[in-house]
Amino acid sequence: MIRDLVHGFYGRVREDRTLGPIFDRVIGDHWDSHLAKLCDFWSSVMLATGRFQGRPMQAHNRIADIRPEHFGRWLALFGETAREVCPREAAALFVERATMIGRSLELGLAVSRGELPPLRRPA
């Protein structure tokens, strides 16, 4: 289920007019390894497998193109994919965790860039 969610979601991201160019510019020809890393990430988040050893904040902080408005789009695509791929309860849990992770990244990036953190978006 994690593999299907990750691959389906990033397939949508790559096709998205706003997010696709940013991801393609950063990931380039390394999509296979990036998707494998993200499957490890979500396996660690959801199943506590410990397979992911990266530093998401540092990785995202190097990408100046990421802006606060991108997080809402990212989460919308993630939620759509989760609801299509996962049973209802699992989809809700994935979306809940993605929301927390996205908010953490959004706030962390703002702080590291010396910007005011964005206001919390309504659910």
N, C-alpha and C. Protein backbone atom coordinates (compact mmCIF):
# COMPACT_ATOMS: atom_id res chain seq x y z
N MET A 1 0.83 -1.18 0.00
CA MET A 1 0.00 0.00 0.00
C MET A 1 0.88 1.26 0.00
N ILE A 2 1.96 1.25 0.79
CA ILE A 2 2.85 2.41 0.83
C ILE A 2 3.46 2.65 -0.54
N ARG A 3 3.91 1.60 -1.18
CA ARG A 3 4.51 1.76 -2.51
C ARG A 3 3.49 2.34 -3.49
N ASP A 4 2.29 1.80 -3.48
CA ASP A 4 1.24 2.30 -4.38
C ASP A 4 0.92 3.77 -4.11
N LEU A 5 0.86 4.14 -2.84
CA LEU A 5 0.58 5.53 -2.47
C LEU A 5 1.71 6.45 -2.93
N VAL A 6 2.93 6.10 -2.61
CA VAL A 6 4.07 6.95 -2.96
C VAL A 6 4.21 7.10 -4.47
N HIS A 7 4.14 6.00 -5.19
CA HIS A 7 4.30 6.06 -6.65
C HIS A 7 3.12 6.79 -7.31
N GLY A 8 1.90 6.53 -6.83
CA GLY A 8 0.75 7.22 -7.38
C GLY A 8 0.78 8.71 -7.09
N PHE A 9 1.14 9.07 -5.87
CA PHE A 9 1.21 10.48 -5.50
C PHE A 9 2.26 11.22 -6.31
N TYR A 10 3.45 10.68 -6.38
CA TYR A 10 4.50 11.40 -7.11
C TYR A 10 4.27 11.37 -8.62
N GLY A 11 3.50 10.42 -9.11
CA GLY A 11 3.08 10.49 -10.50
C GLY A 11 2.22 11.73 -10.72
N ARG A 12 1.34 12.01 -9.78
CA ARG A 12 0.50 13.22 -9.86
C ARG A 12 1.34 14.48 -9.69
N VAL A 13 2.28 14.44 -8.77
CA VAL A 13 3.16 15.60 -8.56
C VAL A 13 3.90 15.94 -9.84
N ARG A 14 4.43 14.94 -10.51
CA ARG A 14 5.21 15.17 -11.73
C ARG A 14 4.35 15.78 -12.83
N GLU A 15 3.05 15.49 -12.83
CA GLU A 15 2.15 16.03 -13.85
C GLU A 15 1.59 17.40 -13.46
N ASP A 16 1.75 17.79 -12.21
CA ASP A 16 1.20 19.04 -11.73
C ASP A 16 1.97 20.23 -12.30
N ARG A 17 1.23 21.24 -12.79
CA ARG A 17 1.86 22.41 -13.44
C ARG A 17 2.72 23.21 -12.47
N THR A 18 2.35 23.22 -11.21
CA THR A 18 3.09 24.01 -10.23
C THR A 18 4.22 23.21 -9.59
N LEU A 19 3.91 22.03 -9.10
CA LEU A 19 4.90 21.24 -8.37
C LEU A 19 5.83 20.45 -9.28
N GLY A 20 5.33 19.98 -10.40
CA GLY A 20 6.13 19.13 -11.28
C GLY A 20 7.47 19.72 -11.68
N PRO A 21 7.51 20.95 -12.16
CA PRO A 21 8.80 21.52 -12.56
C PRO A 21 9.81 21.63 -11.42
N ILE A 22 9.34 21.90 -10.22
CA ILE A 22 10.25 22.00 -9.08
C ILE A 22 10.85 20.64 -8.79
N PHE A 23 10.02 19.62 -8.71
CA PHE A 23 10.52 18.28 -8.43
C PHE A 23 11.43 17.78 -9.54
N ASP A 24 11.03 17.99 -10.78
CA ASP A 24 11.86 17.52 -11.89
C ASP A 24 13.22 18.22 -11.92
N ARG A 25 13.25 19.50 -11.59
CA ARG A 25 14.51 20.24 -11.57
C ARG A 25 15.44 19.69 -10.48
N VAL A 26 14.88 19.35 -9.35
CA VAL A 26 15.69 18.88 -8.22
C VAL A 26 16.06 17.40 -8.37
N ILE A 27 15.12 16.58 -8.77
CA ILE A 27 15.35 15.14 -8.80
C ILE A 27 15.95 14.68 -10.12
N GLY A 28 15.62 15.36 -11.20
CA GLY A 28 16.21 15.03 -12.49
C GLY A 28 15.94 13.59 -12.90
N ASP A 29 17.02 12.86 -13.16
CA ASP A 29 16.92 11.46 -13.61
C ASP A 29 16.99 10.47 -12.46
N HIS A 30 16.79 10.91 -11.25
CA HIS A 30 16.96 10.05 -10.08
C HIS A 30 15.64 9.67 -9.42
N TRP A 31 14.58 9.61 -10.22
CA TRP A 31 13.25 9.33 -9.65
C TRP A 31 13.19 7.96 -8.99
N ASP A 32 13.82 6.94 -9.57
CA ASP A 32 13.74 5.60 -8.97
C ASP A 32 14.30 5.60 -7.56
N SER A 33 15.47 6.18 -7.37
CA SER A 33 16.07 6.20 -6.03
C SER A 33 15.29 7.11 -5.09
N HIS A 34 14.74 8.20 -5.62
CA HIS A 34 13.95 9.10 -4.78
C HIS A 34 12.67 8.41 -4.31
N LEU A 35 12.01 7.71 -5.19
CA LEU A 35 10.78 7.00 -4.79
C LEU A 35 11.09 5.90 -3.78
N ALA A 36 12.20 5.21 -3.95
CA ALA A 36 12.59 4.18 -2.98
C ALA A 36 12.84 4.82 -1.61
N LYS A 37 13.49 5.97 -1.59
CA LYS A 37 13.74 6.68 -0.34
C LYS A 37 12.43 7.12 0.32
N LEU A 38 11.48 7.57 -0.50
CA LEU A 38 10.20 8.00 0.05
C LEU A 38 9.36 6.83 0.55
N CYS A 39 9.48 5.69 -0.09
CA CYS A 39 8.81 4.49 0.44
C CYS A 39 9.41 4.14 1.81
N ASP A 40 10.73 4.24 1.93
CA ASP A 40 11.38 4.01 3.23
C ASP A 40 10.90 5.03 4.26
N PHE A 41 10.77 6.29 3.83
CA PHE A 41 10.30 7.34 4.74
C PHE A 41 8.92 7.00 5.29
N TRP A 42 7.98 6.71 4.39
CA TRP A 42 6.62 6.44 4.84
C TRP A 42 6.53 5.13 5.61
N SER A 43 7.37 4.17 5.30
CA SER A 43 7.43 2.94 6.08
C SER A 43 7.87 3.25 7.51
N SER A 44 8.82 4.14 7.65
CA SER A 44 9.28 4.54 8.99
C SER A 44 8.21 5.33 9.73
N VAL A 45 7.54 6.24 9.02
CA VAL A 45 6.51 7.07 9.64
C VAL A 45 5.31 6.23 10.08
N MET A 46 4.85 5.36 9.21
CA MET A 46 3.61 4.66 9.48
C MET A 46 3.79 3.33 10.22
N LEU A 47 4.92 2.68 10.00
CA LEU A 47 5.11 1.34 10.56
C LEU A 47 6.29 1.26 11.53
N ALA A 48 6.95 2.38 11.76
CA ALA A 48 8.11 2.44 12.67
C ALA A 48 9.18 1.42 12.30
N THR A 49 9.45 1.27 10.99
CA THR A 49 10.43 0.29 10.54
C THR A 49 11.87 0.78 10.70
N GLY A 50 12.06 2.08 10.78
CA GLY A 50 13.42 2.62 10.88
C GLY A 50 14.20 2.55 9.58
N ARG A 51 13.52 2.32 8.48
CA ARG A 51 14.21 2.18 7.19
C ARG A 51 14.73 3.50 6.64
N PHE A 52 14.14 4.61 7.04
CA PHE A 52 14.55 5.91 6.51
C PHE A 52 15.60 6.52 7.43
N GLN A 53 16.69 6.97 6.82
CA GLN A 53 17.78 7.56 7.59
C GLN A 53 18.11 8.98 7.14
N GLY A 54 17.24 9.61 6.36
CA GLY A 54 17.53 10.93 5.81
C GLY A 54 17.24 12.07 6.76
N ARG A 55 17.44 13.26 6.24
CA ARG A 55 17.19 14.50 6.98
C ARG A 55 16.30 15.39 6.11
N PRO A 56 14.98 15.21 6.19
CA PRO A 56 14.07 15.92 5.29
C PRO A 56 14.19 17.45 5.37
N MET A 57 14.37 18.00 6.56
CA MET A 57 14.44 19.45 6.67
C MET A 57 15.66 19.98 5.91
N GLN A 58 16.79 19.37 6.08
CA GLN A 58 17.99 19.81 5.37
C GLN A 58 17.81 19.66 3.86
N ALA A 59 17.25 18.56 3.43
CA ALA A 59 17.06 18.33 1.99
C ALA A 59 16.14 19.39 1.39
N HIS A 60 15.05 19.69 2.06
CA HIS A 60 14.11 20.67 1.53
C HIS A 60 14.60 22.10 1.66
N ASN A 61 15.41 22.36 2.66
CA ASN A 61 15.92 23.71 2.88
C ASN A 61 16.85 24.15 1.75
N ARG A 62 17.45 23.21 1.05
CA ARG A 62 18.34 23.54 -0.07
C ARG A 62 17.58 23.94 -1.33
N ILE A 63 16.26 23.81 -1.32
CA ILE A 63 15.46 24.07 -2.51
C ILE A 63 14.75 25.41 -2.34
N ALA A 64 15.36 26.44 -2.91
CA ALA A 64 14.82 27.80 -2.74
C ALA A 64 13.46 27.97 -3.40
N ASP A 65 13.13 27.13 -4.38
CA ASP A 65 11.86 27.24 -5.10
C ASP A 65 10.64 26.87 -4.25
N ILE A 66 10.84 26.17 -3.15
CA ILE A 66 9.71 25.75 -2.33
C ILE A 66 9.16 26.97 -1.60
N ARG A 67 7.87 27.22 -1.80
CA ARG A 67 7.20 28.37 -1.19
C ARG A 67 6.02 27.88 -0.34
N PRO A 68 5.56 28.69 0.58
CA PRO A 68 4.45 28.27 1.45
C PRO A 68 3.21 27.79 0.68
N GLU A 69 2.91 28.43 -0.42
CA GLU A 69 1.71 28.04 -1.17
C GLU A 69 1.80 26.65 -1.79
N HIS A 70 2.98 26.10 -1.90
CA HIS A 70 3.14 24.76 -2.48
C HIS A 70 2.65 23.66 -1.54
N PHE A 71 2.67 23.93 -0.24
CA PHE A 71 2.30 22.89 0.72
C PHE A 71 0.83 22.51 0.62
N GLY A 72 -0.05 23.47 0.38
CA GLY A 72 -1.47 23.16 0.23
C GLY A 72 -1.72 22.27 -0.98
N ARG A 73 -1.05 22.58 -2.07
CA ARG A 73 -1.22 21.77 -3.29
C ARG A 73 -0.67 20.37 -3.07
N TRP A 74 0.50 20.28 -2.44
CA TRP A 74 1.13 19.00 -2.14
C TRP A 74 0.18 18.14 -1.31
N LEU A 75 -0.40 18.74 -0.28
CA LEU A 75 -1.29 17.99 0.60
C LEU A 75 -2.58 17.59 -0.11
N ALA A 76 -3.10 18.45 -0.97
CA ALA A 76 -4.32 18.11 -1.72
C ALA A 76 -4.08 16.90 -2.60
N LEU A 77 -2.97 16.89 -3.32
CA LEU A 77 -2.65 15.74 -4.18
C LEU A 77 -2.42 14.48 -3.36
N PHE A 78 -1.75 14.64 -2.23
CA PHE A 78 -1.50 13.50 -1.37
C PHE A 78 -2.82 12.92 -0.86
N GLY A 79 -3.71 13.79 -0.40
CA GLY A 79 -4.99 13.33 0.11
C GLY A 79 -5.82 12.62 -0.95
N GLU A 80 -5.85 13.18 -2.15
CA GLU A 80 -6.59 12.54 -3.25
C GLU A 80 -6.04 11.13 -3.50
N THR A 81 -4.74 11.02 -3.55
CA THR A 81 -4.11 9.72 -3.83
C THR A 81 -4.36 8.75 -2.69
N ALA A 82 -4.19 9.20 -1.46
CA ALA A 82 -4.40 8.33 -0.30
C ALA A 82 -5.83 7.78 -0.28
N ARG A 83 -6.81 8.64 -0.56
CA ARG A 83 -8.20 8.19 -0.54
C ARG A 83 -8.50 7.20 -1.67
N GLU A 84 -7.76 7.26 -2.76
CA GLU A 84 -7.97 6.31 -3.85
C GLU A 84 -7.25 4.99 -3.61
N VAL A 85 -6.10 5.05 -2.97
CA VAL A 85 -5.24 3.87 -2.84
C VAL A 85 -5.50 3.08 -1.56
N CYS A 86 -5.85 3.76 -0.49
CA CYS A 86 -5.90 3.15 0.84
C CYS A 86 -7.33 2.96 1.33
N PRO A 87 -7.52 1.99 2.22
CA PRO A 87 -8.80 1.92 2.92
C PRO A 87 -9.04 3.23 3.69
N ARG A 88 -10.28 3.55 3.97
CA ARG A 88 -10.66 4.83 4.56
C ARG A 88 -9.84 5.17 5.82
N GLU A 89 -9.72 4.24 6.75
CA GLU A 89 -9.02 4.52 8.00
C GLU A 89 -7.54 4.76 7.76
N ALA A 90 -6.94 3.99 6.89
CA ALA A 90 -5.52 4.16 6.57
C ALA A 90 -5.30 5.49 5.85
N ALA A 91 -6.18 5.82 4.93
CA ALA A 91 -6.06 7.09 4.20
C ALA A 91 -6.11 8.26 5.19
N ALA A 92 -7.02 8.21 6.13
CA ALA A 92 -7.14 9.28 7.12
C ALA A 92 -5.86 9.40 7.94
N LEU A 93 -5.28 8.28 8.31
CA LEU A 93 -4.05 8.31 9.09
C LEU A 93 -2.88 8.86 8.27
N PHE A 94 -2.78 8.43 7.02
CA PHE A 94 -1.74 8.97 6.13
C PHE A 94 -1.89 10.48 5.97
N VAL A 95 -3.11 10.95 5.75
CA VAL A 95 -3.34 12.38 5.55
C VAL A 95 -3.03 13.15 6.83
N GLU A 96 -3.41 12.60 7.97
CA GLU A 96 -3.10 13.24 9.25
C GLU A 96 -1.59 13.40 9.42
N ARG A 97 -0.86 12.35 9.17
CA ARG A 97 0.61 12.41 9.30
C ARG A 97 1.21 13.35 8.26
N ALA A 98 0.72 13.30 7.03
CA ALA A 98 1.23 14.19 5.98
C ALA A 98 0.98 15.65 6.34
N THR A 99 -0.16 15.93 6.93
CA THR A 99 -0.48 17.29 7.34
C THR A 99 0.52 17.77 8.40
N MET A 100 0.81 16.94 9.38
CA MET A 100 1.78 17.31 10.41
C MET A 100 3.18 17.49 9.83
N ILE A 101 3.57 16.59 8.96
CA ILE A 101 4.89 16.66 8.34
C ILE A 101 5.00 17.91 7.47
N GLY A 102 3.97 18.16 6.67
CA GLY A 102 3.97 19.35 5.81
C GLY A 102 4.04 20.62 6.62
N ARG A 103 3.28 20.70 7.70
CA ARG A 103 3.31 21.89 8.55
C ARG A 103 4.68 22.07 9.19
N SER A 104 5.27 20.99 9.64
CA SER A 104 6.60 21.06 10.23
C SER A 104 7.63 21.56 9.23
N LEU A 105 7.58 21.02 8.01
CA LEU A 105 8.50 21.48 6.97
C LEU A 105 8.27 22.94 6.63
N GLU A 106 7.01 23.30 6.50
CA GLU A 106 6.66 24.68 6.15
C GLU A 106 7.18 25.66 7.20
N LEU A 107 6.97 25.35 8.47
CA LEU A 107 7.44 26.21 9.55
C LEU A 107 8.96 26.22 9.63
N GLY A 108 9.57 25.05 9.50
CA GLY A 108 11.02 24.95 9.55
C GLY A 108 11.69 25.73 8.45
N LEU A 109 11.14 25.65 7.25
CA LEU A 109 11.71 26.41 6.12
C LEU A 109 11.57 27.90 6.35
N ALA A 110 10.43 28.34 6.85
CA ALA A 110 10.23 29.76 7.10
C ALA A 110 11.24 30.26 8.13
N VAL A 111 11.41 29.54 9.19
CA VAL A 111 12.35 29.95 10.24
C VAL A 111 13.78 29.98 9.70
N SER A 112 14.17 28.96 8.96
CA SER A 112 15.55 28.91 8.45
C SER A 112 15.82 30.00 7.42
N ARG A 113 14.78 30.49 6.79
CA ARG A 113 14.92 31.55 5.78
C ARG A 113 14.71 32.94 6.38
N GLY A 114 14.45 33.00 7.68
CA GLY A 114 14.22 34.28 8.33
C GLY A 114 12.90 34.92 7.95
N GLU A 115 11.94 34.10 7.56
CA GLU A 115 10.63 34.59 7.17
C GLU A 115 9.64 34.40 8.31
N LEU A 116 8.56 35.14 8.27
CA LEU A 116 7.49 34.89 9.21
C LEU A 116 6.82 33.58 8.84
N PRO A 117 6.58 32.72 9.82
CA PRO A 117 5.86 31.48 9.50
C PRO A 117 4.48 31.79 8.94
N PRO A 118 4.04 31.02 7.95
CA PRO A 118 2.70 31.25 7.40
C PRO A 118 1.62 30.93 8.42
N LEU A 119 0.51 31.60 8.27
CA LEU A 119 -0.64 31.30 9.12
C LEU A 119 -1.16 29.91 8.80
N ARG A 120 -1.71 29.26 9.78
CA ARG A 120 -2.27 27.93 9.56
C ARG A 120 -3.47 28.05 8.63
N ARG A 121 -3.49 27.20 7.62
CA ARG A 121 -4.61 27.21 6.66
C ARG A 121 -5.81 26.52 7.28
N PRO A 122 -7.00 26.95 6.97
CA PRO A 122 -8.19 26.24 7.45
C PRO A 122 -8.25 24.85 6.85
N ALA A 123 -8.79 23.92 7.61
CA ALA A 123 -8.89 22.53 7.13
C ALA A 123 -9.86 22.42 6.00
